[in-house]
Every structure is written in structure tokens, then in C-alpha cells.
Amino acid sequence: MKHHKETWLTLAFEPSIALRSLKVMLVVGSVLILINYGDILASGSLPELPVLKIILTYLVPFSVATFSSVTARLDD
């Protein structure tokens, strides 16, 4: 089991997978930010933005993309 975990982490940090996950994070995360906080951004009241929620909004698509890519690679 340890070997499988090491392989998973090695693949997760592989440049092609990390770059793909970053691209997904930026596109999907930005769309979600606009959907969820567009009205706040448009009003210009930036201090009201929930910073932790915004960080998580970007981390979730990154995590999903990484998990999907690594799992697909391991299933080959």
C-alpha cells in the first residue's frame, strides 16, 4: 500500500498533471467566483469578500482535476 501512495503522490506532482490541474483551477474557480461573488465584486465592496471561501473555491477544482488525472493514469 505504501508503494501505491508514493506512486499516487509522484504522479500528482508530475508537471503535466500539475499544469493541467492549475489550468482547470483557474478557469473553473474563476467561473465559480463570478457566479457566487459577482454581485459583491461589481459593487466594489471588496472587504466583504470571504477570503477562505474563495481559496477553497479554487482548491476544489484543482483537487478534483488532480485526483481524476492521477486515477486515470493509474488505471491504465
Protein backbone atom coordinates (compact mmCIF):
# COMPACT_ATOMS: atom_id res chain seq x y z
CA MET A 1 0.00 0.00 0.00
CA LYS A 2 2.86 2.38 0.72
CA HIS A 3 4.17 1.93 -2.81
CA HIS A 4 0.77 2.84 -4.25
CA LYS A 5 0.64 6.03 -2.14
CA GLU A 6 4.13 7.04 -3.24
CA THR A 7 3.17 6.42 -6.86
CA TRP A 8 -0.01 8.48 -6.45
CA LEU A 9 1.90 11.44 -4.98
CA THR A 10 4.63 11.18 -7.61
CA LEU A 11 2.03 11.33 -10.36
CA ALA A 12 0.15 14.17 -8.65
CA PHE A 13 3.28 16.33 -8.76
CA GLU A 14 4.18 15.37 -12.33
CA PRO A 15 4.47 18.62 -14.32
CA SER A 16 1.87 17.69 -16.97
CA ILE A 17 -0.73 16.78 -14.35
CA ALA A 18 0.04 19.77 -12.13
CA LEU A 19 -0.18 22.17 -15.08
CA ARG A 20 -3.48 20.68 -16.25
CA SER A 21 -4.87 20.96 -12.73
CA LEU A 22 -3.74 24.58 -12.47
CA LYS A 23 -5.48 25.43 -15.74
CA VAL A 24 -8.70 23.76 -14.59
CA MET A 25 -8.41 25.54 -11.24
CA LEU A 26 -8.08 28.96 -12.86
CA VAL A 27 -10.93 28.51 -15.34
CA VAL A 28 -13.45 26.68 -13.16
CA GLY A 29 -12.54 28.58 -9.99
CA SER A 30 -12.90 31.95 -11.73
CA VAL A 31 -16.29 30.99 -13.18
CA LEU A 32 -17.48 29.88 -9.74
CA ILE A 33 -16.19 33.13 -8.18
CA LEU A 34 -18.13 35.15 -10.74
CA ILE A 35 -21.28 33.10 -10.15
CA ASN A 36 -21.05 33.25 -6.35
CA TYR A 37 -19.50 36.68 -5.76
CA GLY A 38 -20.08 38.63 -8.96
CA ASP A 39 -22.54 41.00 -7.31
CA ILE A 40 -20.08 41.79 -4.49
CA LEU A 41 -17.25 42.31 -6.98
CA ALA A 42 -19.42 44.55 -9.15
CA SER A 43 -20.41 46.69 -6.17
CA GLY A 44 -16.75 47.31 -5.34
CA SER A 45 -17.09 46.27 -1.71
CA LEU A 46 -14.04 44.02 -1.67
CA PRO A 47 -13.57 43.91 2.14
CA GLU A 48 -16.77 41.85 2.35
CA LEU A 49 -15.33 39.00 0.29
CA PRO A 50 -14.94 35.75 2.25
CA VAL A 51 -11.27 35.04 1.53
CA LEU A 52 -11.24 31.47 2.89
CA LYS A 53 -14.25 30.51 0.77
CA ILE A 54 -12.60 31.99 -2.32
CA ILE A 55 -9.41 30.00 -1.68
CA LEU A 56 -11.47 26.82 -1.29
CA THR A 57 -13.39 27.69 -4.46
CA TYR A 58 -10.09 27.45 -6.34
CA LEU A 59 -8.72 24.46 -4.44
CA VAL A 60 -11.72 22.20 -5.09
CA PRO A 61 -11.40 22.14 -8.91
CA PHE A 62 -7.61 21.73 -8.55
CA SER A 63 -8.11 18.75 -6.27
CA VAL A 64 -10.74 17.15 -8.49
CA ALA A 65 -8.63 17.58 -11.62
CA THR A 66 -5.54 16.16 -9.91
CA PHE A 67 -7.45 13.21 -8.48
CA SER A 68 -9.05 12.45 -11.84
CA SER A 69 -5.79 12.67 -13.77
CA VAL A 70 -3.82 10.52 -11.33
CA THR A 71 -6.58 7.93 -11.05
CA ALA A 72 -6.89 7.70 -14.83
CA ARG A 73 -3.13 7.28 -15.16
CA LEU A 74 -3.07 4.53 -12.53
CA ASP A 75 -5.98 2.70 -14.20
CA ASP A 76 -4.05 2.43 -17.49
